[in-house]
Amino acid sequence: MISVEKNVGGADRTVRIAAGLVFVGAMMVTRAVGDRLEKPTQGIVTAVLPLVAFVLLGTARDERYPGNRALGQSTDDERGPKSR
């Protein structure tokens, strides 16, 4: 099993949680009052928003983001915001 160290924390984690919840809310609003959108558009929007929310909330929960690892960055509180 590959072990990936934590690289998401502090404000980055808070922003990911807030943005994820906003995307969930936007999906719910689109589903509820999205009748003005054409059928394919509403379906695409309600499919994409939860996926984006899932990624944001999942990376915030796990405190790991592959993009930070690829860039060699970390916003984890224990290590501080710095580059490796």
PDB file of N, CA and C in Angstrom:
ATOM      1  N   MET A   1       0.834  -1.178   0.000  1.00  0.00           N
ATOM      2  CA  MET A   1       0.000   0.000   0.000  1.00  0.00           C
ATOM      3  C   MET A   1       0.879   1.241   0.000  1.00  0.00           C
ATOM      4  N   ILE A   2       0.525   2.206  -0.824  1.00  0.00           N
ATOM      5  CA  ILE A   2       1.291   3.439  -0.919  1.00  0.00           C
ATOM      6  C   ILE A   2       0.853   4.383   0.196  1.00  0.00           C
ATOM      7  N   SER A   3       1.828   4.883   0.921  1.00  0.00           N
ATOM      8  CA  SER A   3       1.537   5.815   2.004  1.00  0.00           C
ATOM      9  C   SER A   3       1.798   7.241   1.517  1.00  0.00           C
ATOM     10  N   VAL A   4       0.786   8.058   1.591  1.00  0.00           N
ATOM     11  CA  VAL A   4       0.905   9.457   1.191  1.00  0.00           C
ATOM     12  C   VAL A   4       0.734  10.299   2.442  1.00  0.00           C
ATOM     13  N   GLU A   5       1.717  11.169   2.691  1.00  0.00           N
ATOM     14  CA  GLU A   5       1.619  11.985   3.897  1.00  0.00           C
ATOM     15  C   GLU A   5       0.631  13.129   3.700  1.00  0.00           C
ATOM     16  N   LYS A   6       0.134  13.622   4.796  1.00  0.00           N
ATOM     17  CA  LYS A   6      -0.851  14.705   4.762  1.00  0.00           C
ATOM     18  C   LYS A   6      -0.217  15.961   4.170  1.00  0.00           C
ATOM     19  N   ASN A   7      -0.967  16.613   3.291  1.00  0.00           N
ATOM     20  CA  ASN A   7      -0.457  17.841   2.704  1.00  0.00           C
ATOM     21  C   ASN A   7      -1.539  18.907   2.541  1.00  0.00           C
ATOM     22  N   VAL A   8      -2.672  18.728   3.228  1.00  0.00           N
ATOM     23  CA  VAL A   8      -3.747  19.712   3.204  1.00  0.00           C
ATOM     24  C   VAL A   8      -4.116  20.045   4.638  1.00  0.00           C
ATOM     25  N   GLY A   9      -4.128  21.317   4.971  1.00  0.00           N
ATOM     26  CA  GLY A   9      -4.492  21.721   6.321  1.00  0.00           C
ATOM     27  C   GLY A   9      -4.758  23.210   6.379  1.00  0.00           C
ATOM     28  N   GLY A  10      -5.106  23.677   7.537  1.00  0.00           N
ATOM     29  CA  GLY A  10      -5.317  25.098   7.770  1.00  0.00           C
ATOM     30  C   GLY A  10      -6.391  25.697   6.893  1.00  0.00           C
ATOM     31  N   ALA A  11      -6.076  26.861   6.341  1.00  0.00           N
ATOM     32  CA  ALA A  11      -7.037  27.595   5.517  1.00  0.00           C
ATOM     33  C   ALA A  11      -7.403  26.810   4.262  1.00  0.00           C
ATOM     34  N   ASP A  12      -6.454  26.088   3.693  1.00  0.00           N
ATOM     35  CA  ASP A  12      -6.717  25.285   2.497  1.00  0.00           C
ATOM     36  C   ASP A  12      -7.826  24.273   2.763  1.00  0.00           C
ATOM     37  N   ARG A  13      -7.748  23.619   3.892  1.00  0.00           N
ATOM     38  CA  ARG A  13      -8.761  22.624   4.257  1.00  0.00           C
ATOM     39  C   ARG A  13     -10.125  23.289   4.486  1.00  0.00           C
ATOM     40  N   THR A  14     -10.122  24.432   5.160  1.00  0.00           N
ATOM     41  CA  THR A  14     -11.358  25.168   5.419  1.00  0.00           C
ATOM     42  C   THR A  14     -12.009  25.615   4.116  1.00  0.00           C
ATOM     43  N   VAL A  15     -11.212  26.109   3.187  1.00  0.00           N
ATOM     44  CA  VAL A  15     -11.740  26.558   1.893  1.00  0.00           C
ATOM     45  C   VAL A  15     -12.307  25.378   1.118  1.00  0.00           C
ATOM     46  N   ARG A  16     -11.633  24.229   1.166  1.00  0.00           N
ATOM     47  CA  ARG A  16     -12.137  23.036   0.471  1.00  0.00           C
ATOM     48  C   ARG A  16     -13.494  22.594   1.040  1.00  0.00           C
ATOM     49  N   ILE A  17     -13.633  22.628   2.354  1.00  0.00           N
ATOM     50  CA  ILE A  17     -14.907  22.240   2.979  1.00  0.00           C
ATOM     51  C   ILE A  17     -16.004  23.225   2.585  1.00  0.00           C
ATOM     52  N   ALA A  18     -15.707  24.515   2.688  1.00  0.00           N
ATOM     53  CA  ALA A  18     -16.712  25.532   2.344  1.00  0.00           C
ATOM     54  C   ALA A  18     -17.109  25.444   0.878  1.00  0.00           C
ATOM     55  N   ALA A  19     -16.137  25.316  -0.014  1.00  0.00           N
ATOM     56  CA  ALA A  19     -16.432  25.232  -1.447  1.00  0.00           C
ATOM     57  C   ALA A  19     -17.215  23.958  -1.762  1.00  0.00           C
ATOM     58  N   GLY A  20     -16.853  22.858  -1.128  1.00  0.00           N
ATOM     59  CA  GLY A  20     -17.587  21.608  -1.338  1.00  0.00           C
ATOM     60  C   GLY A  20     -19.043  21.733  -0.941  1.00  0.00           C
ATOM     61  N   LEU A  21     -19.288  22.374   0.188  1.00  0.00           N
ATOM     62  CA  LEU A  21     -20.673  22.581   0.637  1.00  0.00           C
ATOM     63  C   LEU A  21     -21.430  23.533  -0.281  1.00  0.00           C
ATOM     64  N   VAL A  22     -20.735  24.534  -0.807  1.00  0.00           N
ATOM     65  CA  VAL A  22     -21.367  25.441  -1.772  1.00  0.00           C
ATOM     66  C   VAL A  22     -21.772  24.678  -3.028  1.00  0.00           C
ATOM     67  N   PHE A  23     -20.902  23.790  -3.513  1.00  0.00           N
ATOM     68  CA  PHE A  23     -21.228  22.995  -4.694  1.00  0.00           C
ATOM     69  C   PHE A  23     -22.406  22.059  -4.435  1.00  0.00           C
ATOM     70  N   VAL A  24     -22.469  21.483  -3.247  1.00  0.00           N
ATOM     71  CA  VAL A  24     -23.624  20.638  -2.901  1.00  0.00           C
ATOM     72  C   VAL A  24     -24.897  21.473  -2.900  1.00  0.00           C
ATOM     73  N   GLY A  25     -24.845  22.657  -2.299  1.00  0.00           N
ATOM     74  CA  GLY A  25     -26.005  23.547  -2.281  1.00  0.00           C
ATOM     75  C   GLY A  25     -26.412  23.978  -3.679  1.00  0.00           C
ATOM     76  N   ALA A  26     -25.426  24.290  -4.512  1.00  0.00           N
ATOM     77  CA  ALA A  26     -25.725  24.698  -5.889  1.00  0.00           C
ATOM     78  C   ALA A  26     -26.384  23.557  -6.659  1.00  0.00           C
ATOM     79  N   MET A  27     -25.939  22.342  -6.412  1.00  0.00           N
ATOM     80  CA  MET A  27     -26.552  21.194  -7.070  1.00  0.00           C
ATOM     81  C   MET A  27     -27.998  21.035  -6.630  1.00  0.00           C
ATOM     82  N   MET A  28     -28.255  21.210  -5.344  1.00  0.00           N
ATOM     83  CA  MET A  28     -29.618  21.071  -4.828  1.00  0.00           C
ATOM     84  C   MET A  28     -30.531  22.160  -5.398  1.00  0.00           C
ATOM     85  N   VAL A  29     -30.027  23.386  -5.492  1.00  0.00           N
ATOM     86  CA  VAL A  29     -30.819  24.476  -6.059  1.00  0.00           C
ATOM     87  C   VAL A  29     -31.080  24.216  -7.545  1.00  0.00           C
ATOM     88  N   THR A  30     -30.061  23.763  -8.251  1.00  0.00           N
ATOM     89  CA  THR A  30     -30.234  23.463  -9.675  1.00  0.00           C
ATOM     90  C   THR A  30     -31.271  22.378  -9.880  1.00  0.00           C
ATOM     91  N   ARG A  31     -31.246  21.382  -9.022  1.00  0.00           N
ATOM     92  CA  ARG A  31     -32.215  20.296  -9.104  1.00  0.00           C
ATOM     93  C   ARG A  31     -33.628  20.791  -8.803  1.00  0.00           C
ATOM     94  N   ALA A  32     -33.748  21.677  -7.814  1.00  0.00           N
ATOM     95  CA  ALA A  32     -35.068  22.137  -7.370  1.00  0.00           C
ATOM     96  C   ALA A  32     -35.691  23.159  -8.314  1.00  0.00           C
ATOM     97  N   VAL A  33     -34.911  24.126  -8.769  1.00  0.00           N
ATOM     98  CA  VAL A  33     -35.480  25.194  -9.588  1.00  0.00           C
ATOM     99  C   VAL A  33     -34.791  25.319 -10.939  1.00  0.00           C
ATOM    100  N   GLY A  34     -34.156  24.271 -11.382  1.00  0.00           N
ATOM    101  CA  GLY A  34     -33.429  24.306 -12.650  1.00  0.00           C
ATOM    102  C   GLY A  34     -34.292  24.026 -13.856  1.00  0.00           C
ATOM    103  N   ASP A  35     -35.602  24.146 -13.710  1.00  0.00           N
ATOM    104  CA  ASP A  35     -36.502  23.868 -14.831  1.00  0.00           C
ATOM    105  C   ASP A  35     -36.283  24.833 -15.992  1.00  0.00           C
ATOM    106  N   ARG A  36     -35.747  26.003 -15.697  1.00  0.00           N
ATOM    107  CA  ARG A  36     -35.498  26.974 -16.765  1.00  0.00           C
ATOM    108  C   ARG A  36     -34.350  26.530 -17.661  1.00  0.00           C
ATOM    109  N   LEU A  37     -33.489  25.666 -17.125  1.00  0.00           N
ATOM    110  CA  LEU A  37     -32.400  25.122 -17.935  1.00  0.00           C
ATOM    111  C   LEU A  37     -32.962  24.053 -18.861  1.00  0.00           C
ATOM    112  N   GLU A  38     -32.336  23.885 -19.993  1.00  0.00           N
ATOM    113  CA  GLU A  38     -32.755  22.807 -20.883  1.00  0.00           C
ATOM    114  C   GLU A  38     -32.407  21.481 -20.231  1.00  0.00           C
ATOM    115  N   LYS A  39     -33.114  20.441 -20.599  1.00  0.00           N
ATOM    116  CA  LYS A  39     -32.924  19.126 -19.968  1.00  0.00           C
ATOM    117  C   LYS A  39     -31.473  18.648 -19.967  1.00  0.00           C
ATOM    118  N   PRO A  40     -30.757  18.642 -21.094  1.00  0.00           N
ATOM    119  CA  PRO A  40     -29.378  18.136 -21.016  1.00  0.00           C
ATOM    120  C   PRO A  40     -28.500  18.980 -20.110  1.00  0.00           C
ATOM    121  N   THR A  41     -28.693  20.288 -20.137  1.00  0.00           N
ATOM    122  CA  THR A  41     -27.873  21.181 -19.313  1.00  0.00           C
ATOM    123  C   THR A  41     -28.103  20.925 -17.835  1.00  0.00           C
ATOM    124  N   GLN A  42     -29.346  20.783 -17.421  1.00  0.00           N
ATOM    125  CA  GLN A  42     -29.644  20.527 -16.017  1.00  0.00           C
ATOM    126  C   GLN A  42     -29.035  19.198 -15.576  1.00  0.00           C
ATOM    127  N   GLY A  43     -29.115  18.196 -16.411  1.00  0.00           N
ATOM    128  CA  GLY A  43     -28.533  16.895 -16.075  1.00  0.00           C
ATOM    129  C   GLY A  43     -27.031  16.939 -15.942  1.00  0.00           C
ATOM    130  N   ILE A  44     -26.392  17.661 -16.850  1.00  0.00           N
ATOM    131  CA  ILE A  44     -24.929  17.777 -16.795  1.00  0.00           C
ATOM    132  C   ILE A  44     -24.507  18.530 -15.543  1.00  0.00           C
ATOM    133  N   VAL A  45     -25.187  19.632 -15.269  1.00  0.00           N
ATOM    134  CA  VAL A  45     -24.847  20.438 -14.091  1.00  0.00           C
ATOM    135  C   VAL A  45     -25.049  19.635 -12.814  1.00  0.00           C
ATOM    136  N   THR A  46     -26.161  18.920 -12.710  1.00  0.00           N
ATOM    137  CA  THR A  46     -26.420  18.158 -11.492  1.00  0.00           C
ATOM    138  C   THR A  46     -25.550  16.909 -11.398  1.00  0.00           C
ATOM    139  N   ALA A  47     -24.875  16.533 -12.464  1.00  0.00           N
ATOM    140  CA  ALA A  47     -23.928  15.421 -12.402  1.00  0.00           C
ATOM    141  C   ALA A  47     -22.519  15.902 -12.052  1.00  0.00           C
ATOM    142  N   VAL A  48     -22.140  17.060 -12.566  1.00  0.00           N
ATOM    143  CA  VAL A  48     -20.780  17.564 -12.363  1.00  0.00           C
ATOM    144  C   VAL A  48     -20.598  18.173 -10.978  1.00  0.00           C
ATOM    145  N   LEU A  49     -21.576  18.927 -10.499  1.00  0.00           N
ATOM    146  CA  LEU A  49     -21.430  19.598  -9.198  1.00  0.00           C
ATOM    147  C   LEU A  49     -21.164  18.634  -8.041  1.00  0.00           C
ATOM    148  N   PRO A  50     -21.884  17.503  -7.933  1.00  0.00           N
ATOM    149  CA  PRO A  50     -21.563  16.597  -6.836  1.00  0.00           C
ATOM    150  C   PRO A  50     -20.184  15.952  -6.969  1.00  0.00           C
ATOM    151  N   LEU A  51     -19.726  15.745  -8.195  1.00  0.00           N
ATOM    152  CA  LEU A  51     -18.387  15.185  -8.381  1.00  0.00           C
ATOM    153  C   LEU A  51     -17.317  16.149  -7.882  1.00  0.00           C
ATOM    154  N   VAL A  52     -17.476  17.420  -8.224  1.00  0.00           N
ATOM    155  CA  VAL A  52     -16.526  18.435  -7.747  1.00  0.00           C
ATOM    156  C   VAL A  52     -16.590  18.524  -6.226  1.00  0.00           C
ATOM    157  N   ALA A  53     -17.799  18.519  -5.678  1.00  0.00           N
ATOM    158  CA  ALA A  53     -17.968  18.575  -4.220  1.00  0.00           C
ATOM    159  C   ALA A  53     -17.330  17.363  -3.551  1.00  0.00           C
ATOM    160  N   PHE A  54     -17.508  16.186  -4.162  1.00  0.00           N
ATOM    161  CA  PHE A  54     -16.933  14.954  -3.611  1.00  0.00           C
ATOM    162  C   PHE A  54     -15.407  15.052  -3.538  1.00  0.00           C
ATOM    163  N   VAL A  55     -14.785  15.560  -4.589  1.00  0.00           N
ATOM    164  CA  VAL A  55     -13.323  15.700  -4.602  1.00  0.00           C
ATOM    165  C   VAL A  55     -12.872  16.695  -3.538  1.00  0.00           C
ATOM    166  N   LEU A  56     -13.538  17.840  -3.461  1.00  0.00           N
ATOM    167  CA  LEU A  56     -13.144  18.857  -2.479  1.00  0.00           C
ATOM    168  C   LEU A  56     -13.332  18.360  -1.047  1.00  0.00           C
ATOM    169  N   LEU A  57     -14.487  17.781  -0.755  1.00  0.00           N
ATOM    170  CA  LEU A  57     -14.748  17.302   0.601  1.00  0.00           C
ATOM    171  C   LEU A  57     -13.878  16.091   0.942  1.00  0.00           C
ATOM    172  N   GLY A  58     -13.645  15.235  -0.035  1.00  0.00           N
ATOM    173  CA  GLY A  58     -12.801  14.056   0.207  1.00  0.00           C
ATOM    174  C   GLY A  58     -11.358  14.425   0.497  1.00  0.00           C
ATOM    175  N   THR A  59     -10.806  15.362  -0.274  1.00  0.00           N
ATOM    176  CA  THR A  59      -9.425  15.765  -0.022  1.00  0.00           C
ATOM    177  C   THR A  59      -9.303  16.536   1.289  1.00  0.00           C
ATOM    178  N   ALA A  60     -10.347  17.262   1.668  1.00  0.00           N
ATOM    179  CA  ALA A  60     -10.320  17.962   2.964  1.00  0.00           C
ATOM    180  C   ALA A  60     -10.393  16.957   4.106  1.00  0.00           C
ATOM    181  N   ARG A  61     -11.232  15.936   3.956  1.00  0.00           N
ATOM    182  CA  ARG A  61     -11.371  14.933   5.014  1.00  0.00           C
ATOM    183  C   ARG A  61     -10.088  14.118   5.184  1.00  0.00           C
ATOM    184  N   ASP A  62      -9.512  13.682   4.069  1.00  0.00           N
ATOM    185  CA  ASP A  62      -8.302  12.859   4.125  1.00  0.00           C
ATOM    186  C   ASP A  62      -7.038  13.668   4.373  1.00  0.00           C
ATOM    187  N   GLU A  63      -7.146  14.982   4.189  1.00  0.00           N
ATOM    188  CA  GLU A  63      -6.009  15.891   4.327  1.00  0.00           C
ATOM    189  C   GLU A  63      -4.885  15.535   3.364  1.00  0.00           C
ATOM    190  N   ARG A  64      -5.258  15.018   2.209  1.00  0.00           N
ATOM    191  CA  ARG A  64      -4.295  14.646   1.179  1.00  0.00           C
ATOM    192  C   ARG A  64      -4.840  15.080  -0.174  1.00  0.00           C
ATOM    193  N   TYR A  65      -3.974  15.705  -0.986  1.00  0.00           N
ATOM    194  CA  TYR A  65      -4.365  16.102  -2.322  1.00  0.00           C
ATOM    195  C   TYR A  65      -3.208  15.789  -3.267  1.00  0.00           C
ATOM    196  N   PRO A  66      -3.436  14.930  -4.259  1.00  0.00           N
ATOM    197  CA  PRO A  66      -2.356  14.544  -5.172  1.00  0.00           C
ATOM    198  C   PRO A  66      -1.737  15.729  -5.913  1.00  0.00           C
ATOM    199  N   GLY A  67      -2.517  16.767  -6.179  1.00  0.00           N
ATOM    200  CA  GLY A  67      -1.976  17.950  -6.849  1.00  0.00           C
ATOM    201  C   GLY A  67      -0.901  18.636  -6.022  1.00  0.00           C
ATOM    202  N   ASN A  68      -1.125  18.738  -4.713  1.00  0.00           N
ATOM    203  CA  ASN A  68      -0.100  19.318  -3.833  1.00  0.00           C
ATOM    204  C   ASN A  68       1.151  18.451  -3.837  1.00  0.00           C
ATOM    205  N   ARG A  69       0.946  17.158  -3.830  1.00  0.00           N
ATOM    206  CA  ARG A  69       2.094  16.229  -3.824  1.00  0.00           C
ATOM    207  C   ARG A  69       2.891  16.376  -5.113  1.00  0.00           C
ATOM    208  N   ALA A  70       2.196  16.467  -6.253  1.00  0.00           N
ATOM    209  CA  ALA A  70       2.881  16.602  -7.537  1.00  0.00           C
ATOM    210  C   ALA A  70       3.669  17.913  -7.614  1.00  0.00           C
ATOM    211  N   LEU A  71       3.140  18.956  -6.987  1.00  0.00           N
ATOM    212  CA  LEU A  71       3.824  20.244  -6.977  1.00  0.00           C
ATOM    213  C   LEU A  71       4.849  20.359  -5.860  1.00  0.00           C
ATOM    214  N   GLY A  72       4.881  19.368  -4.969  1.00  0.00           N
ATOM    215  CA  GLY A  72       5.824  19.400  -3.855  1.00  0.00           C
ATOM    216  C   GLY A  72       5.458  20.415  -2.795  1.00  0.00           C
ATOM    217  N   GLN A  73       4.164  20.704  -2.654  1.00  0.00           N
ATOM    218  CA  GLN A  73       3.708  21.694  -1.692  1.00  0.00           C
ATOM    219  C   GLN A  73       2.912  21.039  -0.577  1.00  0.00           C
ATOM    220  N   SER A  74       2.815  21.759   0.538  1.00  0.00           N
ATOM    221  CA  SER A  74       2.013  21.299   1.657  1.00  0.00           C
ATOM    222  C   SER A  74       1.427  22.502   2.383  1.00  0.00           C
ATOM    223  N   THR A  75       0.152  22.378   2.772  1.00  0.00           N
ATOM    224  CA  THR A  75      -0.472  23.406   3.602  1.00  0.00           C
ATOM    225  C   THR A  75      -0.856  22.814   4.952  1.00  0.00           C
ATOM    226  N   ASP A  76      -0.277  21.659   5.273  1.00  0.00           N
ATOM    227  CA  ASP A  76      -0.559  20.977   6.526  1.00  0.00           C
ATOM    228  C   ASP A  76      -0.058  21.819   7.693  1.00  0.00           C
ATOM    229  N   ASP A  77      -0.880  21.951   8.728  1.00  0.00           N
ATOM    230  CA  ASP A  77      -0.549  22.772   9.891  1.00  0.00           C
ATOM    231  C   ASP A  77       0.719  22.308  10.604  1.00  0.00           C
ATOM    232  N   GLU A  78       0.938  21.005  10.638  1.00  0.00           N
ATOM    233  CA  GLU A  78       2.078  20.477  11.379  1.00  0.00           C
ATOM    234  C   GLU A  78       3.397  20.839  10.711  1.00  0.00           C
ATOM    235  N   ARG A  79       3.395  20.944   9.381  1.00  0.00           N
ATOM    236  CA  ARG A  79       4.633  21.244   8.675  1.00  0.00           C
ATOM    237  C   ARG A  79       4.697  22.684   8.235  1.00  0.00           C
ATOM    238  N   GLY A  80       3.567  23.374   8.268  1.00  0.00           N
ATOM    239  CA  GLY A  80       3.543  24.778   7.857  1.00  0.00           C
ATOM    240  C   GLY A  80       3.477  24.902   6.347  1.00  0.00           C
ATOM    241  N   PRO A  81       3.034  26.073   5.855  1.00  0.00           N
ATOM    242  CA  PRO A  81       2.953  26.275   4.408  1.00  0.00           C
ATOM    243  C   PRO A  81       4.336  26.487   3.830  1.00  0.00           C
ATOM    244  N   LYS A  82       4.805  25.508   3.090  1.00  0.00           N
ATOM    245  CA  LYS A  82       6.136  25.603   2.482  1.00  0.00           C
ATOM    246  C   LYS A  82       6.224  24.623   1.335  1.00  0.00           C
ATOM    247  N   SER A  83       7.241  24.774   0.555  1.00  0.00           N
ATOM    248  CA  SER A  83       7.519  23.826  -0.526  1.00  0.00           C
ATOM    249  C   SER A  83       8.646  22.909  -0.076  1.00  0.00           C
ATOM    250  N   ARG A  84       8.618  21.704  -0.594  1.00  0.00           N
ATOM    251  CA  ARG A  84       9.695  20.759  -0.247  1.00  0.00           C
ATOM    252  C   ARG A  84      10.908  21.041  -1.094  1.00  0.00           C
TER     253      ARG A  84
END
